[in-house]
């Protein structure tokens, strides 16, 4: 039950962030994601560790997204007030994604190669879906953009798995 709640809560945050931005109300995604994170932390046995994970995942996301934005691979609606920084709603998505690492994605612990492969293959699908919903654009040449997103996620996903192992607020007693 906890795994399903965790996965559903993140999907709710994902849609709120992307659709909120696409329809000119990015603050909706921020509020929903903050609520998801608050729910997640309320269920953690070690809130401080889980919060560290969430914040570090946000930093990983900011660095990866800055690279994609600065290289002209992607652009987002409701951009950040500072050029080359990802919009706040996208940072919120990375923070929200971290809530999955020690619950519904806990099975990936110590499986870094698998995490890299899944990041490589599945990471870009989220961006393509976000583009279809109007939250972003993957610029031409499109295949280079998708390959770059894949590469970024092939690096980010094992890092997130390791961060989840390091700061696991859901560790069984």
N, C-alpha and C. Protein backbone atom coordinates (compact mmCIF):
# COMPACT_ATOMS: atom_id res chain seq x y z
N UNK A 1 0.82 -1.20 0.00
CA UNK A 1 0.00 0.00 0.00
C UNK A 1 0.86 1.26 0.00
N UNK A 2 1.92 1.26 0.83
CA UNK A 2 2.80 2.44 0.90
C UNK A 2 3.47 2.68 -0.44
N UNK A 3 3.84 1.61 -1.14
CA UNK A 3 4.49 1.74 -2.44
C UNK A 3 3.54 2.37 -3.44
N UNK A 4 2.31 1.91 -3.48
CA UNK A 4 1.32 2.46 -4.41
C UNK A 4 1.03 3.92 -4.09
N UNK A 5 0.86 4.25 -2.83
CA UNK A 5 0.60 5.64 -2.42
C UNK A 5 1.75 6.54 -2.85
N UNK A 6 2.98 6.07 -2.66
CA UNK A 6 4.17 6.83 -3.03
C UNK A 6 4.19 7.09 -4.54
N UNK A 7 3.97 6.06 -5.32
CA UNK A 7 4.00 6.20 -6.78
C UNK A 7 2.87 7.10 -7.29
N UNK A 8 1.68 6.92 -6.75
CA UNK A 8 0.53 7.74 -7.16
C UNK A 8 0.74 9.20 -6.77
N UNK A 9 1.26 9.43 -5.58
CA UNK A 9 1.50 10.80 -5.12
C UNK A 9 2.49 11.51 -6.04
N UNK A 10 3.56 10.81 -6.44
CA UNK A 10 4.51 11.45 -7.35
C UNK A 10 3.86 11.73 -8.71
N UNK A 11 3.08 10.79 -9.24
CA UNK A 11 2.43 11.03 -10.52
C UNK A 11 1.49 12.23 -10.46
N UNK A 12 0.80 12.38 -9.34
CA UNK A 12 -0.05 13.56 -9.14
C UNK A 12 0.79 14.83 -9.19
N UNK A 13 1.94 14.81 -8.50
CA UNK A 13 2.83 15.98 -8.51
C UNK A 13 3.35 16.25 -9.92
N UNK A 14 3.72 15.18 -10.64
CA UNK A 14 4.25 15.34 -12.00
C UNK A 14 3.22 16.04 -12.89
N UNK A 15 1.99 15.53 -12.89
CA UNK A 15 0.96 16.14 -13.72
C UNK A 15 0.64 17.56 -13.28
N UNK A 16 0.61 17.81 -11.98
CA UNK A 16 0.33 19.16 -11.48
C UNK A 16 1.42 20.14 -11.92
N UNK A 17 2.67 19.70 -11.87
CA UNK A 17 3.78 20.57 -12.29
C UNK A 17 3.73 20.86 -13.78
N UNK A 18 3.63 19.82 -14.59
CA UNK A 18 3.68 19.99 -16.04
C UNK A 18 2.44 20.73 -16.54
N UNK A 19 1.26 20.29 -16.14
CA UNK A 19 0.04 20.94 -16.62
C UNK A 19 -0.13 22.33 -16.02
N UNK A 20 0.27 22.50 -14.77
CA UNK A 20 0.22 23.84 -14.17
C UNK A 20 1.07 24.82 -14.96
N UNK A 21 2.28 24.41 -15.31
CA UNK A 21 3.16 25.27 -16.11
C UNK A 21 2.57 25.50 -17.50
N UNK A 22 2.08 24.44 -18.12
CA UNK A 22 1.54 24.55 -19.48
C UNK A 22 0.34 25.49 -19.55
N UNK A 23 -0.44 25.55 -18.47
CA UNK A 23 -1.63 26.39 -18.45
C UNK A 23 -1.43 27.69 -17.69
N UNK A 24 -0.17 28.07 -17.48
CA UNK A 24 0.13 29.37 -16.89
C UNK A 24 -0.04 29.48 -15.39
N UNK A 25 -0.10 28.36 -14.70
CA UNK A 25 -0.24 28.37 -13.23
C UNK A 25 0.79 27.43 -12.60
N UNK A 26 2.09 27.72 -12.77
CA UNK A 26 3.11 26.81 -12.26
C UNK A 26 3.09 26.66 -10.75
N UNK A 27 2.51 27.60 -10.06
CA UNK A 27 2.43 27.54 -8.59
C UNK A 27 1.59 26.34 -8.14
N UNK A 28 0.67 25.88 -8.96
CA UNK A 28 -0.14 24.71 -8.59
C UNK A 28 0.76 23.49 -8.40
N UNK A 29 1.67 23.28 -9.34
CA UNK A 29 2.61 22.17 -9.22
C UNK A 29 3.50 22.28 -8.00
N UNK A 30 3.92 23.51 -7.69
CA UNK A 30 4.74 23.71 -6.49
C UNK A 30 3.97 23.33 -5.24
N UNK A 31 2.72 23.75 -5.15
CA UNK A 31 1.91 23.44 -3.96
C UNK A 31 1.65 21.94 -3.84
N UNK A 32 1.29 21.31 -4.94
CA UNK A 32 1.02 19.87 -4.90
C UNK A 32 2.28 19.11 -4.52
N UNK A 33 3.41 19.49 -5.11
CA UNK A 33 4.67 18.80 -4.80
C UNK A 33 5.06 19.01 -3.34
N UNK A 34 4.87 20.22 -2.82
CA UNK A 34 5.17 20.45 -1.40
C UNK A 34 4.30 19.56 -0.52
N UNK A 35 3.04 19.38 -0.90
CA UNK A 35 2.15 18.51 -0.13
C UNK A 35 2.61 17.05 -0.22
N UNK A 36 3.04 16.62 -1.40
CA UNK A 36 3.54 15.25 -1.58
C UNK A 36 4.79 15.04 -0.72
N UNK A 37 5.69 16.01 -0.73
CA UNK A 37 6.91 15.90 0.08
C UNK A 37 6.56 15.89 1.57
N UNK A 38 5.62 16.73 1.97
CA UNK A 38 5.21 16.75 3.39
C UNK A 38 4.62 15.40 3.80
N UNK A 39 3.77 14.82 2.95
CA UNK A 39 3.21 13.50 3.23
C UNK A 39 4.33 12.46 3.33
N UNK A 40 5.24 12.52 2.39
CA UNK A 40 6.37 11.58 2.37
C UNK A 40 7.19 11.69 3.65
N UNK A 41 7.53 12.89 4.04
CA UNK A 41 8.34 13.09 5.24
C UNK A 41 7.58 12.68 6.50
N UNK A 42 6.27 12.86 6.50
CA UNK A 42 5.47 12.49 7.68
C UNK A 42 5.50 10.98 7.92
N UNK A 43 5.74 10.21 6.86
CA UNK A 43 5.76 8.75 6.96
C UNK A 43 7.16 8.19 7.18
N UNK A 44 8.19 9.04 7.06
CA UNK A 44 9.58 8.58 7.19
C UNK A 44 9.95 8.41 8.66
N UNK A 45 10.73 7.37 8.95
CA UNK A 45 11.20 7.16 10.32
C UNK A 45 12.37 8.08 10.64
N UNK A 46 13.13 8.48 9.63
CA UNK A 46 14.25 9.41 9.80
C UNK A 46 14.05 10.57 8.82
N UNK A 47 13.31 11.57 9.28
CA UNK A 47 12.94 12.69 8.42
C UNK A 47 14.16 13.48 7.95
N UNK A 48 15.15 13.65 8.81
CA UNK A 48 16.34 14.43 8.45
C UNK A 48 17.09 13.77 7.29
N UNK A 49 17.26 12.45 7.34
CA UNK A 49 17.94 11.75 6.25
C UNK A 49 17.15 11.88 4.95
N UNK A 50 15.87 11.72 5.04
CA UNK A 50 15.04 11.78 3.84
C UNK A 50 15.05 13.20 3.25
N UNK A 51 15.05 14.21 4.10
CA UNK A 51 15.11 15.59 3.63
C UNK A 51 16.45 15.86 2.94
N UNK A 52 17.54 15.33 3.48
CA UNK A 52 18.85 15.48 2.82
C UNK A 52 18.82 14.85 1.43
N UNK A 53 18.24 13.67 1.33
CA UNK A 53 18.10 13.01 0.03
C UNK A 53 17.34 13.91 -0.94
N UNK A 54 16.22 14.44 -0.51
CA UNK A 54 15.38 15.27 -1.37
C UNK A 54 16.15 16.50 -1.84
N UNK A 55 16.85 17.16 -0.93
CA UNK A 55 17.60 18.36 -1.29
C UNK A 55 18.77 18.05 -2.23
N UNK A 56 19.47 16.96 -1.97
CA UNK A 56 20.58 16.58 -2.85
C UNK A 56 20.08 16.17 -4.24
N UNK A 57 18.94 15.51 -4.29
CA UNK A 57 18.35 15.16 -5.59
C UNK A 57 17.98 16.43 -6.35
N UNK A 58 17.50 17.43 -5.63
CA UNK A 58 17.21 18.71 -6.26
C UNK A 58 18.45 19.34 -6.87
N UNK A 59 19.57 19.22 -6.17
CA UNK A 59 20.83 19.75 -6.69
C UNK A 59 21.27 18.99 -7.94
N UNK A 60 21.15 17.67 -7.92
CA UNK A 60 21.47 16.86 -9.10
C UNK A 60 20.60 17.33 -10.28
N UNK A 61 19.32 17.54 -10.01
CA UNK A 61 18.40 17.99 -11.05
C UNK A 61 18.74 19.36 -11.60
N UNK A 62 19.08 20.29 -10.71
CA UNK A 62 19.43 21.64 -11.15
C UNK A 62 20.65 21.59 -12.07
N UNK A 63 21.67 20.83 -11.68
CA UNK A 63 22.88 20.73 -12.49
C UNK A 63 22.57 20.11 -13.86
N UNK A 64 21.83 19.01 -13.87
CA UNK A 64 21.49 18.36 -15.13
C UNK A 64 20.64 19.23 -16.03
N UNK A 65 19.64 19.87 -15.45
CA UNK A 65 18.75 20.73 -16.25
C UNK A 65 19.47 21.97 -16.75
N UNK A 66 20.36 22.54 -15.94
CA UNK A 66 21.15 23.69 -16.39
C UNK A 66 21.96 23.33 -17.63
N UNK A 67 22.53 22.14 -17.64
CA UNK A 67 23.30 21.69 -18.80
C UNK A 67 22.41 21.58 -20.04
N UNK A 68 21.22 21.02 -19.87
CA UNK A 68 20.30 20.88 -21.00
C UNK A 68 19.83 22.24 -21.51
N UNK A 69 19.53 23.15 -20.59
CA UNK A 69 19.04 24.48 -20.97
C UNK A 69 20.16 25.29 -21.62
N UNK A 70 21.34 25.31 -20.99
CA UNK A 70 22.45 26.12 -21.50
C UNK A 70 22.91 25.66 -22.88
N UNK A 71 22.78 24.37 -23.16
CA UNK A 71 23.19 23.86 -24.46
C UNK A 71 22.10 24.00 -25.52
N UNK A 72 20.95 24.54 -25.13
CA UNK A 72 19.88 24.78 -26.08
C UNK A 72 19.09 23.54 -26.46
N UNK A 73 19.23 22.49 -25.68
CA UNK A 73 18.55 21.24 -25.98
C UNK A 73 17.07 21.32 -25.64
N UNK A 74 16.75 21.97 -24.53
CA UNK A 74 15.36 22.09 -24.09
C UNK A 74 15.07 23.53 -23.67
N UNK A 75 13.80 23.86 -23.68
CA UNK A 75 13.32 25.10 -23.06
C UNK A 75 11.98 24.77 -22.40
N UNK A 76 11.66 25.54 -21.39
CA UNK A 76 10.48 25.27 -20.58
C UNK A 76 9.54 26.46 -20.57
N UNK A 77 8.24 26.19 -20.46
CA UNK A 77 7.29 27.26 -20.24
C UNK A 77 7.42 27.67 -18.77
N UNK A 78 6.97 28.85 -18.45
CA UNK A 78 7.11 29.39 -17.10
C UNK A 78 8.56 29.28 -16.65
N UNK A 79 9.49 29.90 -17.43
CA UNK A 79 10.91 29.76 -17.11
C UNK A 79 11.28 30.45 -15.80
N UNK A 80 12.45 30.10 -15.30
CA UNK A 80 12.97 30.71 -14.08
C UNK A 80 13.34 32.16 -14.38
N UNK A 81 13.33 33.01 -13.36
CA UNK A 81 13.69 34.41 -13.57
C UNK A 81 15.17 34.61 -13.91
N UNK A 82 15.99 33.60 -13.68
CA UNK A 82 17.42 33.69 -13.97
C UNK A 82 17.71 32.79 -15.18
N UNK A 83 18.27 33.36 -16.26
CA UNK A 83 18.55 32.55 -17.45
C UNK A 83 19.42 31.34 -17.12
N UNK A 84 19.19 30.26 -17.81
CA UNK A 84 19.91 28.99 -17.71
C UNK A 84 19.56 28.19 -16.45
N UNK A 85 18.75 28.74 -15.57
CA UNK A 85 18.27 27.94 -14.43
C UNK A 85 16.96 27.29 -14.82
N UNK A 86 16.72 26.09 -14.33
CA UNK A 86 15.42 25.46 -14.61
C UNK A 86 14.30 26.19 -13.86
N UNK A 87 13.10 26.14 -14.39
CA UNK A 87 11.98 26.77 -13.69
C UNK A 87 11.73 26.08 -12.35
N UNK A 88 11.12 26.83 -11.45
CA UNK A 88 10.88 26.31 -10.10
C UNK A 88 10.02 25.05 -10.12
N UNK A 89 9.05 24.99 -11.04
CA UNK A 89 8.19 23.80 -11.09
C UNK A 89 8.99 22.56 -11.49
N UNK A 90 10.05 22.73 -12.30
CA UNK A 90 10.87 21.60 -12.70
C UNK A 90 11.78 21.16 -11.55
N UNK A 91 12.29 22.12 -10.81
CA UNK A 91 13.08 21.78 -9.61
C UNK A 91 12.19 21.00 -8.64
N UNK A 92 10.94 21.44 -8.52
CA UNK A 92 9.99 20.73 -7.65
C UNK A 92 9.81 19.28 -8.11
N UNK A 93 9.79 19.06 -9.42
CA UNK A 93 9.67 17.69 -9.93
C UNK A 93 10.85 16.83 -9.49
N UNK A 94 12.04 17.36 -9.54
CA UNK A 94 13.21 16.61 -9.08
C UNK A 94 13.12 16.32 -7.58
N UNK A 95 12.68 17.31 -6.81
CA UNK A 95 12.51 17.10 -5.37
C UNK A 95 11.47 16.01 -5.13
N UNK A 96 10.37 16.08 -5.87
CA UNK A 96 9.32 15.07 -5.73
C UNK A 96 9.78 13.69 -6.18
N UNK A 97 10.58 13.63 -7.24
CA UNK A 97 11.09 12.35 -7.73
C UNK A 97 11.91 11.65 -6.66
N UNK A 98 12.62 12.42 -5.86
CA UNK A 98 13.45 11.84 -4.79
C UNK A 98 12.62 11.07 -3.78
N UNK A 99 11.34 11.41 -3.65
CA UNK A 99 10.49 10.70 -2.69
C UNK A 99 10.27 9.24 -3.10
N UNK A 100 10.56 8.92 -4.35
CA UNK A 100 10.40 7.54 -4.82
C UNK A 100 11.57 6.64 -4.44
N UNK A 101 12.73 7.22 -4.22
CA UNK A 101 13.96 6.43 -4.13
C UNK A 101 13.97 5.40 -3.01
N UNK A 102 13.42 5.71 -1.86
CA UNK A 102 13.46 4.77 -0.73
C UNK A 102 12.12 4.07 -0.48
N UNK A 103 11.18 4.26 -1.39
CA UNK A 103 9.89 3.60 -1.23
C UNK A 103 9.61 2.78 -2.49
N UNK A 104 9.00 3.37 -3.50
CA UNK A 104 8.62 2.58 -4.67
C UNK A 104 9.80 2.21 -5.57
N UNK A 105 10.93 2.88 -5.45
CA UNK A 105 12.11 2.49 -6.21
C UNK A 105 13.20 1.89 -5.33
N UNK A 106 12.85 1.51 -4.13
CA UNK A 106 13.84 0.93 -3.21
C UNK A 106 14.44 -0.37 -3.76
N UNK A 107 13.72 -1.07 -4.60
CA UNK A 107 14.21 -2.31 -5.19
C UNK A 107 15.45 -2.09 -6.06
N UNK A 108 15.73 -0.83 -6.43
CA UNK A 108 16.88 -0.54 -7.27
C UNK A 108 18.18 -0.37 -6.49
N UNK A 109 18.12 -0.43 -5.18
CA UNK A 109 19.33 -0.24 -4.37
C UNK A 109 20.42 -1.21 -4.81
N UNK A 110 21.64 -0.68 -4.91
CA UNK A 110 22.83 -1.44 -5.32
C UNK A 110 22.75 -1.99 -6.74
N UNK A 111 21.83 -1.50 -7.52
CA UNK A 111 21.70 -1.93 -8.92
C UNK A 111 21.98 -0.74 -9.83
N UNK A 112 23.20 -0.28 -9.78
CA UNK A 112 23.57 0.96 -10.48
C UNK A 112 23.52 0.81 -12.00
N UNK A 113 23.96 -0.33 -12.51
CA UNK A 113 23.91 -0.54 -13.97
C UNK A 113 22.46 -0.55 -14.45
N UNK A 114 21.60 -1.22 -13.71
CA UNK A 114 20.18 -1.24 -14.06
C UNK A 114 19.60 0.17 -13.98
N UNK A 115 19.97 0.91 -12.93
CA UNK A 115 19.49 2.29 -12.79
C UNK A 115 19.93 3.14 -13.98
N UNK A 116 21.17 2.95 -14.43
CA UNK A 116 21.67 3.70 -15.58
C UNK A 116 20.89 3.34 -16.85
N UNK A 117 20.64 2.06 -17.04
CA UNK A 117 19.89 1.61 -18.23
C UNK A 117 18.46 2.15 -18.20
N UNK A 118 17.82 2.06 -17.04
CA UNK A 118 16.45 2.58 -16.93
C UNK A 118 16.42 4.09 -17.13
N UNK A 119 17.40 4.79 -16.57
CA UNK A 119 17.49 6.24 -16.79
C UNK A 119 17.67 6.56 -18.27
N UNK A 120 18.55 5.82 -18.92
CA UNK A 120 18.83 6.01 -20.34
C UNK A 120 17.57 5.82 -21.18
N UNK A 121 16.80 4.77 -20.87
CA UNK A 121 15.63 4.42 -21.69
C UNK A 121 14.36 5.16 -21.29
N UNK A 122 14.14 5.33 -19.98
CA UNK A 122 12.86 5.88 -19.52
C UNK A 122 12.90 7.37 -19.23
N UNK A 123 14.07 7.90 -18.91
CA UNK A 123 14.18 9.33 -18.61
C UNK A 123 13.60 10.21 -19.71
N UNK A 124 13.99 9.98 -20.98
CA UNK A 124 13.48 10.83 -22.05
C UNK A 124 11.97 10.74 -22.25
N UNK A 125 11.38 9.61 -21.88
CA UNK A 125 9.93 9.47 -22.06
C UNK A 125 9.17 10.51 -21.25
N UNK A 126 9.67 10.83 -20.07
CA UNK A 126 9.03 11.85 -19.25
C UNK A 126 9.11 13.22 -19.93
N UNK A 127 10.23 13.51 -20.57
CA UNK A 127 10.39 14.79 -21.27
C UNK A 127 9.50 14.84 -22.50
N UNK A 128 9.41 13.74 -23.22
CA UNK A 128 8.54 13.70 -24.39
C UNK A 128 7.09 13.89 -23.97
N UNK A 129 6.69 13.23 -22.88
CA UNK A 129 5.32 13.41 -22.36
C UNK A 129 5.11 14.85 -21.92
N UNK A 130 6.09 15.43 -21.24
CA UNK A 130 5.99 16.82 -20.81
C UNK A 130 5.86 17.77 -21.99
N UNK A 131 6.54 17.45 -23.07
CA UNK A 131 6.43 18.27 -24.28
C UNK A 131 5.04 18.13 -24.89
N UNK A 132 4.53 16.91 -24.97
CA UNK A 132 3.19 16.68 -25.54
C UNK A 132 2.11 17.43 -24.74
N UNK A 133 2.33 17.58 -23.43
CA UNK A 133 1.36 18.27 -22.58
C UNK A 133 1.58 19.79 -22.54
N UNK A 134 2.61 20.27 -23.23
CA UNK A 134 2.81 21.71 -23.36
C UNK A 134 3.72 22.34 -22.32
N UNK A 135 4.46 21.53 -21.57
CA UNK A 135 5.31 22.09 -20.52
C UNK A 135 6.71 22.44 -20.96
N UNK A 136 7.11 21.96 -22.13
CA UNK A 136 8.50 22.18 -22.56
C UNK A 136 8.63 21.92 -24.04
N UNK A 137 9.83 22.21 -24.56
CA UNK A 137 10.16 21.93 -25.95
C UNK A 137 11.53 21.25 -26.00
N UNK A 138 11.62 20.18 -26.75
CA UNK A 138 12.91 19.57 -27.07
C UNK A 138 13.27 20.10 -28.45
N UNK A 139 14.36 20.85 -28.54
CA UNK A 139 14.71 21.54 -29.77
C UNK A 139 15.39 20.63 -30.79
N UNK A 140 15.39 21.10 -32.02
CA UNK A 140 16.04 20.39 -33.12
C UNK A 140 17.56 20.56 -33.02
N UNK A 141 18.33 19.62 -33.47
CA UNK A 141 17.92 18.31 -33.96
C UNK A 141 17.40 17.44 -32.82
N UNK A 142 16.21 17.00 -32.99
CA UNK A 142 15.46 16.31 -31.94
C UNK A 142 16.17 15.06 -31.41
N UNK A 143 16.73 14.26 -32.29
CA UNK A 143 17.37 13.02 -31.84
C UNK A 143 18.60 13.31 -30.97
N UNK A 144 19.30 14.40 -31.27
CA UNK A 144 20.43 14.78 -30.41
C UNK A 144 19.91 15.23 -29.05
N UNK A 145 18.80 15.94 -29.05
CA UNK A 145 18.19 16.36 -27.79
C UNK A 145 17.77 15.17 -26.93
N UNK A 146 17.10 14.22 -27.55
CA UNK A 146 16.65 13.04 -26.81
C UNK A 146 17.85 12.22 -26.33
N UNK A 147 18.87 12.10 -27.18
CA UNK A 147 20.08 11.37 -26.77
C UNK A 147 20.76 12.07 -25.59
N UNK A 148 20.77 13.40 -25.60
CA UNK A 148 21.38 14.16 -24.50
C UNK A 148 20.60 13.97 -23.20
N UNK A 149 19.28 13.98 -23.30
CA UNK A 149 18.44 13.74 -22.12
C UNK A 149 18.69 12.32 -21.60
N UNK A 150 18.79 11.37 -22.52
CA UNK A 150 19.08 9.98 -22.13
C UNK A 150 20.40 9.88 -21.39
N UNK A 151 21.42 10.54 -21.92
CA UNK A 151 22.74 10.52 -21.30
C UNK A 151 22.69 11.13 -19.90
N UNK A 152 22.01 12.26 -19.77
CA UNK A 152 21.89 12.92 -18.47
C UNK A 152 21.22 12.00 -17.46
N UNK A 153 20.15 11.33 -17.87
CA UNK A 153 19.43 10.43 -16.96
C UNK A 153 20.20 9.14 -16.68
N UNK A 154 21.04 8.70 -17.62
CA UNK A 154 21.88 7.53 -17.38
C UNK A 154 22.91 7.82 -16.30
N UNK A 155 23.27 9.07 -16.14
CA UNK A 155 24.18 9.48 -15.07
C UNK A 155 23.40 9.78 -13.79
N UNK A 156 22.29 10.49 -13.93
CA UNK A 156 21.52 10.95 -12.76
C UNK A 156 20.89 9.80 -11.98
N UNK A 157 20.36 8.82 -12.69
CA UNK A 157 19.61 7.76 -12.00
C UNK A 157 20.47 6.95 -11.03
N UNK A 158 21.66 6.48 -11.41
CA UNK A 158 22.49 5.78 -10.42
C UNK A 158 22.90 6.70 -9.26
N UNK A 159 23.10 7.98 -9.57
CA UNK A 159 23.43 8.93 -8.50
C UNK A 159 22.28 9.02 -7.50
N UNK A 160 21.06 9.09 -8.01
CA UNK A 160 19.89 9.17 -7.13
C UNK A 160 19.73 7.89 -6.31
N UNK A 161 20.00 6.75 -6.93
CA UNK A 161 19.94 5.48 -6.19
C UNK A 161 20.95 5.51 -5.05
N UNK A 162 22.17 5.95 -5.34
CA UNK A 162 23.21 6.02 -4.30
C UNK A 162 22.83 7.02 -3.21
N UNK A 163 22.28 8.15 -3.58
CA UNK A 163 21.82 9.12 -2.58
C UNK A 163 20.75 8.51 -1.69
N UNK A 164 19.85 7.72 -2.29
CA UNK A 164 18.82 7.04 -1.52
C UNK A 164 19.40 6.04 -0.54
N UNK A 165 20.47 5.38 -0.93
CA UNK A 165 21.13 4.45 -0.01
C UNK A 165 21.82 5.20 1.12
N UNK A 166 22.40 6.34 0.79
CA UNK A 166 23.14 7.14 1.78
C UNK A 166 22.20 7.76 2.80
N UNK A 167 21.10 8.32 2.32
CA UNK A 167 20.13 8.98 3.20
C UNK A 167 18.78 8.28 3.07
N UNK A 168 18.62 7.23 3.80
CA UNK A 168 17.40 6.42 3.74
C UNK A 168 16.58 6.64 5.00
N UNK A 169 15.58 7.47 4.90
CA UNK A 169 14.70 7.72 6.03
C UNK A 169 13.63 6.67 6.20
N UNK A 170 13.62 5.66 5.34
CA UNK A 170 12.64 4.58 5.41
C UNK A 170 13.30 3.24 5.74
N UNK A 171 14.53 3.30 6.21
CA UNK A 171 15.26 2.08 6.57
C UNK A 171 14.47 1.30 7.61
N UNK A 172 14.36 0.01 7.38
CA UNK A 172 13.61 -0.83 8.34
C UNK A 172 14.41 -0.97 9.62
N UNK A 173 13.71 -0.90 10.73
CA UNK A 173 14.37 -0.98 12.05
C UNK A 173 14.82 -2.39 12.33
